[in-house]
């Protein structure tokens, strides 16, 4: 092998070696346990099970209720606490018959962003298929 090819091979090996070293030692170089003031509280966080997949956005209303979350099948759900669970608050399409809780069906909509207008209580929804929509404080079809 010519010298020029050996040099190129050795130079190309350097990033690979660095990548392997970073992979092996990254958590000891910079990790939550080494950050000043870290208390590892994320491990204590409780998850709220969803009756659907793919939550995209999260919002609370002006009364502090919620969270409200959009899911894969076009619904916007409202959390009412552990005893009451989730409520189907709104949906972005009247065509609900073919909607799946586990996959995106374009005719069902896909709420990707949520924001309440505090003055009126209206919920604005940015839907991936239908655009910007609005539903009143009582929910229902956007």
Foldseek 3Di string as FASTA:
>chain_A
DDPVVVVVVVVVVVVVVVVVVCVVCVCVVDNLVPDPPRDPCVVVDDDADDPADDWAEWDAAPVRFATWTWHQQFFIWGQDDDVVGIDRFAGAAPPNPPTDRYHHDLRRWGFRYWDADRVFRKIWTATPRPGIDIDGNRYYYD
